[in-house]
Protein backbone atom coordinates (compact mmCIF):
# COMPACT_ATOMS: atom_id res chain seq x y z
CA MET A 1 24.83 -11.78 6.58
CA ARG A 2 21.61 -13.19 4.90
CA LEU A 3 18.86 -14.77 7.17
CA THR A 4 18.56 -18.44 7.06
CA PRO A 5 16.11 -21.11 8.35
CA GLY A 6 16.33 -21.45 12.15
CA MET A 7 17.38 -17.81 12.68
CA GLN A 8 15.25 -15.54 14.85
CA ALA A 9 13.22 -13.25 12.54
CA PRO A 10 13.92 -9.48 13.05
CA PRO A 11 11.21 -7.71 14.84
CA PHE A 12 9.16 -5.03 12.97
CA ASP A 13 6.75 -2.22 14.01
CA LEU A 14 5.14 -0.81 10.78
CA MET A 15 2.16 1.04 9.73
CA ASP A 16 -0.21 -0.28 7.14
CA GLY A 17 -2.09 1.85 4.43
CA GLU A 18 -5.05 2.34 6.90
CA GLY A 19 -2.83 3.64 9.51
CA ARG A 20 -2.79 0.64 11.71
CA PRO A 21 0.45 -0.63 13.33
CA HIS A 22 1.67 -4.20 12.75
CA ARG A 23 4.35 -5.86 14.82
CA LEU A 24 5.97 -9.18 14.50
CA ASN A 25 4.84 -10.10 17.97
CA ASP A 26 1.19 -9.46 17.12
CA TYR A 27 1.42 -12.58 15.08
CA ARG A 28 2.90 -14.93 17.47
CA GLY A 29 1.51 -18.38 17.23
CA LYS A 30 0.79 -17.64 13.49
CA ARG A 31 2.76 -18.46 10.37
CA VAL A 32 3.76 -15.15 8.71
CA ILE A 33 4.51 -14.64 4.92
CA LEU A 34 6.43 -11.34 4.86
CA TYR A 35 7.31 -10.35 1.32
CA PHE A 36 9.32 -7.35 0.41
CA TYR A 37 8.75 -5.59 -3.00
CA PRO A 38 10.34 -2.46 -4.48
CA LYS A 39 7.41 -0.09 -5.46
CA ASP A 40 3.62 0.11 -5.45
CA ASP A 41 1.83 -0.18 -8.79
CA THR A 42 4.91 -1.04 -10.88
CA PRO A 43 4.51 -3.85 -13.55
CA GLY A 44 6.53 -6.65 -11.49
CA CYS A 45 5.15 -5.56 -8.07
CA THR A 46 1.67 -5.52 -9.47
CA ILE A 47 2.21 -9.14 -10.87
CA GLU A 48 3.41 -10.30 -7.52
CA ALA A 49 0.70 -8.62 -5.49
CA CYS A 50 -2.10 -9.82 -7.55
CA ASP A 51 -0.75 -13.34 -7.64
CA PHE A 52 -0.58 -13.27 -3.82
CA ARG A 53 -4.19 -11.81 -3.73
CA ASP A 54 -5.26 -14.70 -5.79
CA ARG A 55 -3.67 -17.19 -3.55
CA ASN A 56 -4.46 -15.30 -0.14
CA GLN A 57 -7.49 -17.58 0.71
CA ASP A 58 -5.13 -20.73 0.06
CA LEU A 59 -2.44 -19.36 2.23
CA ALA A 60 -4.91 -18.59 5.00
CA LYS A 61 -6.23 -22.16 4.87
CA LYS A 62 -2.74 -23.27 5.69
CA GLY A 63 -2.66 -20.95 8.67
CA ALA A 64 -0.55 -18.27 7.08
CA VAL A 65 -1.00 -14.36 7.41
CA LEU A 66 0.37 -12.42 4.35
CA LEU A 67 2.05 -9.08 4.81
CA GLY A 68 3.70 -7.01 2.09
CA VAL A 69 6.40 -4.43 2.73
CA SER A 70 7.93 -1.56 0.65
CA ALA A 71 9.47 1.74 1.28
CA ASP A 72 6.34 3.51 -0.17
CA ASP A 73 4.27 5.74 2.10
CA GLU A 74 0.86 4.75 3.64
CA VAL A 75 -1.28 6.87 1.10
CA SER A 76 0.51 4.89 -1.73
CA HIS A 77 -0.27 1.64 -0.27
CA GLN A 78 -3.92 2.52 0.35
CA LYS A 79 -4.29 3.47 -3.40
CA PHE A 80 -2.28 0.33 -4.60
CA ALA A 81 -4.40 -2.01 -2.49
CA LYS A 82 -7.67 -0.40 -3.44
CA LYS A 83 -6.85 -0.36 -7.08
CA TYR A 84 -6.10 -4.04 -7.03
CA ASP A 85 -8.40 -5.21 -4.41
CA LEU A 86 -5.53 -6.48 -2.17
CA PRO A 87 -6.99 -8.22 0.86
CA PHE A 88 -3.78 -8.16 2.91
CA PRO A 89 -1.83 -5.29 4.61
CA LEU A 90 0.85 -3.46 2.76
CA LEU A 91 3.31 -2.05 5.46
CA SER A 92 5.30 1.11 4.97
CA ASP A 93 9.08 1.10 5.76
CA PRO A 94 10.03 4.64 4.51
CA ASP A 95 13.49 4.50 6.31
CA HIS A 96 14.14 0.91 5.14
CA SER A 97 15.17 -0.01 8.50
CA VAL A 98 13.22 -3.24 8.57
CA ALA A 99 14.35 -4.01 5.02
CA SER A 100 17.82 -3.49 6.05
CA SER A 101 17.32 -5.88 9.11
CA TYR A 102 16.02 -8.54 6.75
CA GLU A 103 19.13 -7.92 4.27
CA VAL A 104 16.90 -6.92 1.47
CA TRP A 105 18.00 -3.35 1.13
CA GLY A 106 20.89 -3.03 -1.19
CA LYS A 107 22.45 -2.14 -4.58
CA LYS A 108 20.41 -2.81 -7.57
CA LYS A 109 20.93 -2.15 -11.45
CA PHE A 110 18.27 -1.31 -13.86
CA LEU A 111 18.77 0.10 -17.37
CA GLY A 112 22.51 0.51 -16.75
CA ARG A 113 21.85 2.66 -13.67
CA GLU A 114 22.91 1.49 -10.26
CA PHE A 115 20.88 2.67 -7.14
CA GLU A 116 19.84 1.33 -3.67
CA GLY A 117 16.31 -0.16 -3.07
CA ILE A 118 14.37 -3.18 -1.98
CA ILE A 119 15.61 -6.49 -3.33
CA ARG A 120 12.45 -8.59 -3.94
CA SER A 121 12.52 -11.35 -1.29
CA THR A 122 10.01 -13.33 0.96
CA PHE A 123 10.29 -14.80 4.26
CA VAL A 124 8.21 -17.51 5.81
CA ILE A 125 8.18 -16.90 9.66
CA GLY A 126 7.16 -19.73 11.83
CA PRO A 127 4.56 -19.49 14.78
CA ASP A 128 7.62 -19.43 17.16
CA GLY A 129 9.10 -16.36 15.46
CA LEU A 130 11.99 -18.29 13.57
CA ILE A 131 12.63 -18.13 9.93
CA GLU A 132 11.32 -21.19 8.15
CA LYS A 133 12.26 -20.10 4.70
CA ALA A 134 14.22 -16.98 3.28
CA MET A 135 13.94 -16.44 -0.47
CA TYR A 136 16.08 -13.63 -1.98
CA GLU A 137 15.96 -12.04 -5.35
CA VAL A 138 12.81 -13.85 -6.42
CA SER A 139 10.90 -13.44 -9.61
CA PRO A 140 7.38 -11.94 -9.37
CA LEU A 141 5.86 -14.24 -11.97
CA GLY A 142 4.78 -17.53 -10.22
CA HIS A 143 6.39 -16.66 -6.71
CA ALA A 144 3.12 -16.76 -4.74
CA ALA A 145 2.58 -20.47 -6.02
CA GLU A 146 6.10 -21.25 -5.01
CA VAL A 147 5.40 -19.76 -1.49
CA LEU A 148 2.25 -21.71 -1.20
CA ALA A 149 3.72 -25.01 -2.31
CA GLY A 150 6.45 -24.64 0.29
CA ILE A 151 4.05 -24.39 3.23
CA SER A 152 3.02 -27.62 4.98
């Protein structure tokens, strides 16, 4: 069952590229933009990350904290963040347990091949820990602007 507005956001406890833990409870009282992406330093994921980078200050002005999540390891996240000067944490979910709890781990098709992976999706989590917006299977191009426009 997919997450919908009003539902409690599943908890998470993940490490970022610097080896620091991030838990949903750490952000109580703040709006969290939690975006899931398939893989560091791939074309679509780079477009999306750089778009979020360019809108990060505007998101912060609206009181939102941005966190990216993929199954890549911490070293990969560190390289990706440094290469593109990403000012927000990238969290490592190597066993895809958090992606599964957000219903974004599943079957995908690419070039006629079927495999399991992260389905590009974004969640806006309110200061109370409830899902305000759930966006599944988003396009990387223009998505950050869509997220920003949807935050009051």
